[in-house]
């Protein structure tokens, strides 16, 4: 519990007569009487499995070196894994060759969920690759069309005991080979076009199995605008023709409102700043870095509007930060001319509005903003081909009007009072 929640819990116990004032004072001051602690306790089943996991991690004779951000990448490996009800398949690209793995499930997995099959296929594929020594010191990016697998890996936990065991096996393998494993959820349609979906069913006439290149299906290093140039024109027509598209260098300069330098009357160099509407369009692999700079920029310059466009890939690395940095976040599905079906996954659109000079200070989490988000979702569900740009344009125009409105009117508008 957080401190305020803990204090509220204790006060409720006092009101119910279940806690004395002395006990309350001791608990608030964190003064516990250990002399009256029980001699023995019963360990819960889950606690025991966590201790078993720690025992495995610390059983290595030599302490492993954990790679976080390597300056010397020996090898980049890309792979796809997929499992069907009856079979499984995987494809791993080592740069000079592609290895396949395929098979059918035994009777011992008949009662297991599809989540377990997908995860088990991933872990067993990597264990087989590691046994050949092909993952030593490697940075590995593996795609799966199962979001539960991606979530379990990045949380490092699962309420399902079998999935938790697979998480432990995967992380232990990462320690042993000294590599870096990145698991990314992708669309099932991407999996089909890439060919691994066919491999899991015994078909070897799709995607990379008929000489397509693995990297053609791995756009981790490409921004949304690079993949679909029409997206640039859509952003200009929806928000403003004066939007500025930031390069990676611009994340550190123009994204902070910088437009140059000048000398003051004492000869000191000063920054020139000018607010604007900026488009941050980083590749998924670099989105975490870009969004971190965006959060810094918003703290320093509070009058600019920021639009963040990132394809929905490698989301555990950056999506949580995006929700913290932006007031408004919605996915735009690949059903539009500016983001067609061949993109496979939607892209995430985040908007960080200028701060308001009075209460509620920002649009984040206001009922008005939440209602607009629901409207965008409804439009995309009911009419996937309909352009949500009209709704977004109205929202931007509303945000521009707020600083000039009376505080009482702003509150009524945003909170429907």
Protein backbone atom coordinates (compact mmCIF):
# COMPACT_ATOMS: atom_id res chain seq x y z
CA UNK A 1 0.00 0.00 0.00
CA UNK A 2 1.00 3.61 -0.48
CA UNK A 3 1.48 5.67 2.68
CA UNK A 4 -1.87 7.46 2.45
CA UNK A 5 -3.69 4.19 1.74
CA UNK A 6 -1.99 2.58 4.75
CA UNK A 7 -2.94 5.46 7.04
CA UNK A 8 -6.52 5.34 5.77
CA UNK A 9 -6.65 1.59 6.41
CA UNK A 10 -5.44 2.05 9.99
CA UNK A 11 -7.90 4.87 10.67
CA UNK A 12 -10.74 2.69 9.42
CA UNK A 13 -9.62 -0.09 11.78
CA UNK A 14 -9.64 2.38 14.69
CA UNK A 15 -13.13 3.58 13.77
CA UNK A 16 -14.32 -0.03 13.84
CA UNK A 17 -12.69 -0.55 17.23
CA UNK A 18 -10.30 -3.18 15.90
CA UNK A 19 -7.07 -1.26 16.61
CA UNK A 20 -5.98 0.61 19.71
CA UNK A 21 -4.39 4.05 19.63
CA UNK A 22 -1.12 2.59 20.88
CA UNK A 23 -1.06 -0.04 18.14
CA UNK A 24 -1.85 2.70 15.61
CA UNK A 25 1.03 4.85 16.86
CA UNK A 26 3.46 1.93 16.71
CA UNK A 27 2.43 1.00 13.19
CA UNK A 28 2.64 4.56 11.90
CA UNK A 29 6.11 4.92 13.42
CA UNK A 30 7.09 1.49 12.02
CA UNK A 31 7.93 0.26 15.53
CA UNK A 32 7.07 -3.44 15.45
CA UNK A 33 7.26 -5.74 18.43
CA UNK A 34 9.30 -8.66 17.10
CA UNK A 35 9.38 -10.38 20.50
CA UNK A 36 5.78 -11.49 19.98
CA UNK A 37 6.39 -12.69 16.41
CA UNK A 38 5.43 -16.34 15.70
CA UNK A 39 8.20 -18.93 15.87
CA UNK A 40 7.06 -20.63 12.66
CA UNK A 41 5.06 -19.55 9.65
CA UNK A 42 3.43 -21.48 6.83
CA UNK A 43 4.96 -20.59 3.48
CA UNK A 44 2.46 -20.06 0.66
CA UNK A 45 2.76 -22.15 -2.49
CA UNK A 46 3.60 -19.19 -4.70
CA UNK A 47 6.25 -17.91 -2.30
CA UNK A 48 7.93 -21.31 -2.49
CA UNK A 49 7.99 -21.20 -6.32
CA UNK A 50 9.58 -17.74 -6.18
CA UNK A 51 12.33 -19.05 -3.89
CA UNK A 52 12.86 -21.94 -6.31
CA UNK A 53 13.24 -19.44 -9.16
CA UNK A 54 15.82 -17.45 -7.16
CA UNK A 55 17.71 -20.67 -6.37
CA UNK A 56 18.02 -21.36 -10.10
CA UNK A 57 19.23 -17.83 -10.86
CA UNK A 58 21.89 -17.98 -8.14
CA UNK A 59 22.99 -21.54 -8.88
CA UNK A 60 25.48 -20.45 -11.55
CA UNK A 61 29.07 -21.01 -10.42
CA UNK A 62 30.31 -17.69 -11.82
CA UNK A 63 28.16 -14.54 -11.47
CA UNK A 64 26.81 -13.79 -14.95
CA UNK A 65 27.33 -10.44 -16.66
CA UNK A 66 23.94 -8.91 -17.49
CA UNK A 67 23.88 -7.04 -20.79
CA UNK A 68 21.66 -3.97 -20.71
CA UNK A 69 22.94 -1.76 -23.54
CA UNK A 70 25.88 -3.21 -25.39
CA UNK A 71 28.35 -0.97 -27.23
CA UNK A 72 29.73 -3.97 -29.11
CA UNK A 73 26.93 -6.07 -30.59
CA UNK A 74 28.50 -9.28 -31.82
CA UNK A 75 25.41 -10.48 -33.64
CA UNK A 76 21.82 -9.43 -34.22
CA UNK A 77 19.40 -12.32 -34.58
CA UNK A 78 15.79 -12.07 -35.73
CA UNK A 79 13.15 -14.73 -35.38
CA UNK A 80 9.45 -15.57 -35.48
CA UNK A 81 7.67 -18.26 -33.46
CA UNK A 82 4.10 -19.52 -33.81
CA UNK A 83 2.05 -22.41 -32.53
CA UNK A 84 -1.26 -23.86 -33.69
CA UNK A 85 -3.56 -26.33 -31.97
CA UNK A 86 -1.80 -29.33 -33.49
CA UNK A 87 1.71 -28.11 -34.33
CA UNK A 88 4.42 -25.51 -33.80
CA UNK A 89 7.03 -23.75 -35.89
CA UNK A 90 9.79 -21.17 -35.74
CA UNK A 91 12.26 -19.44 -38.04
CA UNK A 92 15.51 -17.81 -36.92
CA UNK A 93 17.66 -15.61 -39.18
CA UNK A 94 21.37 -15.59 -38.30
CA UNK A 95 22.38 -13.23 -41.10
CA UNK A 96 23.98 -15.87 -43.32
CA UNK A 97 21.36 -18.59 -42.86
CA UNK A 98 17.81 -19.21 -41.70
CA UNK A 99 17.02 -22.17 -39.45
CA UNK A 100 13.57 -23.72 -39.11
CA UNK A 101 12.00 -25.76 -36.36
CA UNK A 102 8.67 -27.54 -36.74
CA UNK A 103 6.74 -30.38 -35.12
CA UNK A 104 3.45 -31.53 -33.64
CA UNK A 105 2.29 -31.44 -30.03
CA UNK A 106 2.13 -34.62 -27.96
CA UNK A 107 -0.78 -35.84 -25.92
CA UNK A 108 0.73 -34.35 -22.76
CA UNK A 109 -0.19 -30.85 -24.02
CA UNK A 110 -3.80 -31.58 -24.98
CA UNK A 111 -5.14 -29.87 -21.85
CA UNK A 112 -2.74 -26.91 -22.02
CA UNK A 113 -3.85 -23.47 -23.17
CA UNK A 114 -2.81 -21.80 -26.43
CA UNK A 115 -0.83 -19.31 -24.34
CA UNK A 116 1.26 -22.14 -22.91
CA UNK A 117 1.86 -23.67 -26.35
CA UNK A 118 2.99 -20.35 -27.81
CA UNK A 119 5.31 -19.65 -24.87
CA UNK A 120 6.70 -23.18 -24.69
CA UNK A 121 7.47 -23.10 -28.41
CA UNK A 122 9.38 -19.83 -27.96
CA UNK A 123 11.42 -21.04 -24.98
CA UNK A 124 12.24 -24.43 -26.51
CA UNK A 125 13.27 -22.80 -29.79
CA UNK A 126 15.71 -20.49 -28.00
CA UNK A 127 17.05 -23.32 -25.86
CA UNK A 128 17.75 -25.32 -29.03
CA UNK A 129 19.52 -22.34 -30.60
CA UNK A 130 21.54 -21.74 -27.44
CA UNK A 131 22.64 -25.39 -27.39
CA UNK A 132 24.26 -24.79 -30.79
CA UNK A 133 26.11 -21.75 -29.44
CA UNK A 134 24.37 -19.44 -31.90
CA UNK A 135 23.00 -17.07 -29.23
CA UNK A 136 26.21 -16.38 -27.28
CA UNK A 137 26.49 -12.61 -26.81
CA UNK A 138 23.67 -12.01 -29.27
CA UNK A 139 20.96 -9.41 -29.28
CA UNK A 140 17.86 -11.40 -30.17
CA UNK A 141 14.54 -9.98 -31.36
CA UNK A 142 11.75 -12.57 -31.44
CA UNK A 143 8.25 -11.90 -32.79
CA UNK A 144 5.14 -13.67 -31.54
CA UNK A 145 1.47 -13.11 -32.28
CA UNK A 146 0.52 -13.94 -28.67
CA UNK A 147 0.26 -10.82 -26.48
CA UNK A 148 0.13 -12.87 -23.26
CA UNK A 149 3.63 -14.18 -23.92
CA UNK A 150 4.97 -10.65 -24.46
CA UNK A 151 3.27 -9.41 -21.29
CA UNK A 152 4.53 -12.30 -19.12
CA UNK A 153 8.13 -11.84 -20.29
CA UNK A 154 8.26 -8.12 -19.55
CA UNK A 155 6.38 -8.36 -16.26
CA UNK A 156 8.66 -11.23 -15.27
CA UNK A 157 5.65 -12.87 -13.70
CA UNK A 158 2.41 -14.74 -14.35
CA UNK A 159 -0.39 -15.99 -12.15
CA UNK A 160 -0.33 -19.20 -14.19
CA UNK A 161 2.23 -21.59 -12.68
CA UNK A 162 3.28 -23.13 -16.01
CA UNK A 163 3.76 -19.73 -17.65
CA UNK A 164 5.79 -18.57 -14.64
CA UNK A 165 8.12 -21.57 -15.04
CA UNK A 166 8.63 -20.62 -18.70
CA UNK A 167 9.47 -17.04 -17.72
CA UNK A 168 12.14 -18.39 -15.35
CA UNK A 169 13.56 -20.68 -18.04
CA UNK A 170 13.75 -17.82 -20.55
CA UNK A 171 15.46 -15.39 -18.17
CA UNK A 172 17.87 -18.07 -16.97
CA UNK A 173 18.80 -18.83 -20.57
CA UNK A 174 19.42 -15.12 -21.17
CA UNK A 175 21.86 -15.10 -18.26
CA UNK A 176 23.69 -18.21 -19.44
CA UNK A 177 24.29 -17.03 -23.02
CA UNK A 178 25.11 -13.44 -21.99
CA UNK A 179 22.70 -12.02 -24.54
CA UNK A 180 19.74 -9.67 -24.71
CA UNK A 181 16.30 -11.05 -25.61
CA UNK A 182 13.56 -8.71 -26.88
CA UNK A 183 10.10 -10.23 -27.37
CA UNK A 184 7.72 -8.27 -29.60
CA UNK A 185 4.05 -8.93 -30.26
CA UNK A 186 3.10 -8.70 -33.95
CA UNK A 187 -0.09 -9.08 -35.92
CA UNK A 188 -1.21 -12.57 -36.88
CA UNK A 189 -1.36 -11.36 -40.48
CA UNK A 190 2.34 -10.44 -40.34
CA UNK A 191 3.04 -13.94 -39.04
CA UNK A 192 1.13 -15.43 -42.01
CA UNK A 193 2.93 -13.29 -44.62
CA UNK A 194 6.30 -13.95 -42.98
CA UNK A 195 5.77 -17.71 -43.29
CA UNK A 196 6.15 -19.02 -39.72
CA UNK A 197 2.39 -19.50 -39.43
CA UNK A 198 2.65 -21.88 -42.37
CA UNK A 199 5.67 -23.64 -40.86
CA UNK A 200 3.63 -24.45 -37.72
CA UNK A 201 1.13 -26.20 -40.03
CA UNK A 202 3.71 -28.00 -42.17
CA UNK A 203 3.49 -25.59 -45.14
CA UNK A 204 6.80 -24.43 -46.59
CA UNK A 205 5.60 -22.29 -49.48
CA UNK A 206 5.02 -18.92 -47.82
CA UNK A 207 7.17 -15.90 -46.94
CA UNK A 208 10.78 -16.66 -46.10
CA UNK A 209 10.37 -20.32 -47.07
CA UNK A 210 10.10 -19.18 -50.70
CA UNK A 211 13.17 -16.89 -50.58
CA UNK A 212 11.64 -13.72 -49.07
CA UNK A 213 14.07 -11.80 -46.83
CA UNK A 214 13.52 -12.01 -43.06
CA UNK A 215 14.32 -8.30 -42.56
CA UNK A 216 11.42 -7.36 -44.86
CA UNK A 217 9.14 -8.48 -42.03
CA UNK A 218 11.13 -6.86 -39.18
CA UNK A 219 10.45 -3.08 -39.30
CA UNK A 220 11.76 -2.41 -35.79
CA UNK A 221 14.13 0.26 -37.16
CA UNK A 222 11.63 2.12 -39.37
CA UNK A 223 9.38 4.96 -38.27
CA UNK A 224 5.70 5.12 -39.20
CA UNK A 225 6.35 7.94 -41.69
CA UNK A 226 9.18 6.01 -43.35
CA UNK A 227 6.87 3.04 -43.81
CA UNK A 228 3.91 5.09 -45.06
CA UNK A 229 4.76 8.53 -46.54
CA UNK A 230 1.02 9.29 -46.91
CA UNK A 231 0.88 9.53 -43.13
CA UNK A 232 2.80 12.81 -43.32
CA UNK A 233 0.13 14.41 -45.50
CA UNK A 234 -2.62 13.08 -43.21
CA UNK A 235 -1.00 14.69 -40.17
CA UNK A 236 -0.72 18.02 -41.99
CA UNK A 237 -4.34 17.96 -43.15
CA UNK A 238 -5.66 16.82 -39.76
CA UNK A 239 -3.73 19.01 -37.35
CA UNK A 240 -1.99 21.86 -39.19
CA UNK A 241 0.08 22.53 -42.28
CA UNK A 242 2.65 24.12 -39.98
CA UNK A 243 3.44 20.92 -38.05
CA UNK A 244 7.17 20.29 -37.77
CA UNK A 245 8.54 16.78 -38.27
CA UNK A 246 11.47 16.18 -35.95
CA UNK A 247 14.56 14.26 -36.98
CA UNK A 248 16.46 12.29 -34.29
CA UNK A 249 18.73 15.34 -33.91
CA UNK A 250 15.62 17.49 -33.51
CA UNK A 251 14.55 15.48 -30.44
CA UNK A 252 17.26 17.31 -28.52
CA UNK A 253 16.90 20.78 -30.09
CA UNK A 254 13.71 21.86 -31.88
CA UNK A 255 11.66 19.44 -29.78
CA UNK A 256 12.64 21.64 -26.81
CA UNK A 257 11.48 24.77 -28.74
CA UNK A 258 15.06 25.76 -29.66
CA UNK A 259 15.48 27.78 -32.87
CA UNK A 260 19.04 29.06 -32.44
CA UNK A 261 21.20 31.34 -30.29
CA UNK A 262 21.88 35.04 -29.85
CA UNK A 263 24.24 37.30 -27.90
CA UNK A 264 22.75 39.49 -25.20
CA UNK A 265 23.98 42.99 -24.34
CA UNK A 266 26.64 41.51 -22.04
CA UNK A 267 27.95 39.14 -24.69
CA UNK A 268 26.46 35.98 -23.19
CA UNK A 269 25.01 33.34 -25.48
CA UNK A 270 21.27 32.87 -25.02
CA UNK A 271 18.81 30.38 -26.48
CA UNK A 272 16.06 31.43 -28.86
CA UNK A 273 12.82 29.54 -28.39
CA UNK A 274 9.57 29.36 -30.32
CA UNK A 275 6.56 27.18 -29.60
CA UNK A 276 5.09 24.94 -32.28
CA UNK A 277 3.33 21.68 -33.12
CA UNK A 278 5.95 18.95 -33.27
CA UNK A 279 5.68 15.41 -34.65
CA UNK A 280 7.85 12.82 -32.94
CA UNK A 281 7.98 9.73 -35.18
CA UNK A 282 10.68 7.40 -33.82
CA UNK A 283 11.19 3.78 -34.87
CA UNK A 284 9.82 1.30 -32.28
CA UNK A 285 13.36 0.33 -31.25
CA UNK A 286 14.21 3.97 -30.42
CA UNK A 287 10.82 5.13 -29.13
CA UNK A 288 11.85 4.86 -25.48
CA UNK A 289 14.68 7.38 -26.00
CA UNK A 290 12.49 9.82 -27.95
CA UNK A 291 9.67 9.76 -25.40
CA UNK A 292 12.13 10.35 -22.58
CA UNK A 293 13.27 13.54 -24.35
CA UNK A 294 9.63 14.53 -24.89
CA UNK A 295 8.97 14.31 -21.15
CA UNK A 296 11.95 16.61 -20.50
CA UNK A 297 10.78 19.04 -23.17
CA UNK A 298 7.28 19.32 -21.68
CA UNK A 299 8.70 20.22 -18.27
CA UNK A 300 10.83 23.02 -19.74
CA UNK A 301 8.53 24.44 -22.45
CA UNK A 302 4.83 24.20 -21.66
CA UNK A 303 3.21 25.99 -24.60
CA UNK A 304 3.99 23.58 -27.46
CA UNK A 305 1.87 20.70 -28.77
CA UNK A 306 3.54 17.35 -29.36
CA UNK A 307 2.27 14.50 -31.55
CA UNK A 308 3.87 11.06 -31.06
CA UNK A 309 3.49 8.44 -33.83
CA UNK A 310 4.90 4.95 -33.22
CA UNK A 311 3.99 1.60 -34.89
CA UNK A 312 2.63 -0.82 -32.30
CA UNK A 313 5.75 -2.98 -32.07
CA UNK A 314 8.07 -3.57 -29.09
CA UNK A 315 5.41 -1.88 -26.95
CA UNK A 316 6.77 -3.01 -23.54
CA UNK A 317 9.81 -0.83 -24.16
CA UNK A 318 7.91 2.43 -24.64
CA UNK A 319 4.08 2.26 -24.40
CA UNK A 320 3.92 2.81 -20.62
CA UNK A 321 6.13 5.90 -20.96
CA UNK A 322 3.96 7.15 -23.80
CA UNK A 323 0.87 7.06 -21.59
CA UNK A 324 2.77 9.05 -18.94
CA UNK A 325 4.08 11.64 -21.40
CA UNK A 326 0.89 12.23 -23.42
CA UNK A 327 -2.56 13.47 -22.45
CA UNK A 328 -4.31 11.45 -25.16
CA UNK A 329 -3.31 8.07 -26.61
CA UNK A 330 -5.31 6.03 -29.17
CA UNK A 331 -4.41 3.29 -31.69
CA UNK A 332 -5.15 3.95 -35.37
CA UNK A 333 -5.91 0.71 -37.18
CA UNK A 334 -4.43 -0.24 -40.60
CA UNK A 335 -7.68 0.34 -42.46
CA UNK A 336 -7.01 3.77 -43.99
CA UNK A 337 -5.26 5.00 -47.15
CA UNK A 338 -2.58 6.71 -45.02
CA UNK A 339 -2.02 3.49 -42.99
CA UNK A 340 -3.10 0.57 -45.20
CA UNK A 341 -3.60 -3.10 -44.38
CA UNK A 342 -0.05 -4.01 -45.46
CA UNK A 343 1.23 -2.22 -42.33
CA UNK A 344 -0.36 -5.12 -40.35
CA UNK A 345 -0.22 -3.51 -36.87
CA UNK A 346 -1.91 -0.22 -35.88
CA UNK A 347 0.17 2.78 -34.92
CA UNK A 348 -0.18 4.54 -31.58
CA UNK A 349 -1.03 8.23 -31.73
CA UNK A 350 -0.21 10.24 -28.62
CA UNK A 351 -0.96 13.95 -28.16
CA UNK A 352 0.66 16.12 -25.48
CA UNK A 353 -1.29 19.38 -25.27
CA UNK A 354 0.04 22.66 -23.86
CA UNK A 355 -0.49 23.13 -20.13
CA UNK A 356 -3.44 25.28 -19.02
CA UNK A 357 -2.51 28.38 -16.91
CA UNK A 358 -5.14 27.51 -14.26
CA UNK A 359 -7.04 24.53 -12.88
CA UNK A 360 -7.15 21.70 -13.94
CA UNK A 361 -3.71 22.64 -15.42
CA UNK A 362 -3.80 19.90 -18.09
CA UNK A 363 -6.30 17.96 -20.20
CA UNK A 364 -5.01 14.58 -19.06
CA UNK A 365 -7.71 12.26 -17.64
CA UNK A 366 -10.49 14.83 -17.88
CA UNK A 367 -13.96 13.47 -18.75
CA UNK A 368 -13.96 15.49 -21.99
CA UNK A 369 -10.74 13.87 -23.20
CA UNK A 370 -11.88 10.39 -22.20
CA UNK A 371 -15.15 10.86 -24.09
CA UNK A 372 -13.23 11.83 -27.24
CA UNK A 373 -11.05 8.73 -26.90
CA UNK A 374 -14.17 6.56 -26.61
CA UNK A 375 -15.60 8.24 -29.70
CA UNK A 376 -12.47 7.43 -31.71
CA UNK A 377 -12.64 3.80 -30.58
CA UNK A 378 -16.34 3.55 -31.51
CA UNK A 379 -15.78 5.04 -34.97
CA UNK A 380 -12.97 2.58 -35.72
CA UNK A 381 -15.02 -0.39 -34.53
CA UNK A 382 -18.24 0.53 -36.34
CA UNK A 383 -16.69 2.06 -39.47
CA UNK A 384 -13.03 0.95 -39.84
CA UNK A 385 -12.64 2.82 -43.13
CA UNK A 386 -13.78 6.16 -41.65
CA UNK A 387 -11.05 8.75 -41.05
CA UNK A 388 -10.91 9.71 -37.33
CA UNK A 389 -9.07 12.92 -38.28
CA UNK A 390 -12.21 15.09 -37.95
CA UNK A 391 -12.60 14.15 -34.27
CA UNK A 392 -8.90 14.74 -33.58
CA UNK A 393 -8.94 18.11 -35.37
CA UNK A 394 -11.83 19.32 -33.19
CA UNK A 395 -9.92 18.23 -30.11
CA UNK A 396 -6.84 20.22 -31.11
CA UNK A 397 -8.94 23.33 -31.81
CA UNK A 398 -10.56 22.96 -28.39
CA UNK A 399 -7.16 22.79 -26.68
CA UNK A 400 -6.08 26.02 -28.43
CA UNK A 401 -9.12 27.89 -27.07
CA UNK A 402 -8.72 26.88 -23.44
CA UNK A 403 -6.00 29.38 -22.34
CA UNK A 404 -8.20 32.33 -23.42
CA UNK A 405 -11.31 31.06 -21.62
CA UNK A 406 -12.41 31.90 -18.09
CA UNK A 407 -11.31 29.29 -15.50
CA UNK A 408 -14.90 28.47 -14.54
CA UNK A 409 -15.84 27.86 -18.18
CA UNK A 410 -12.80 25.64 -18.73
CA UNK A 411 -13.75 23.50 -15.75
CA UNK A 412 -17.38 23.13 -16.91
CA UNK A 413 -16.26 22.28 -20.45
CA UNK A 414 -13.78 19.60 -19.42
CA UNK A 415 -15.80 18.07 -16.58
CA UNK A 416 -19.34 18.46 -18.05
CA UNK A 417 -20.53 20.45 -15.02
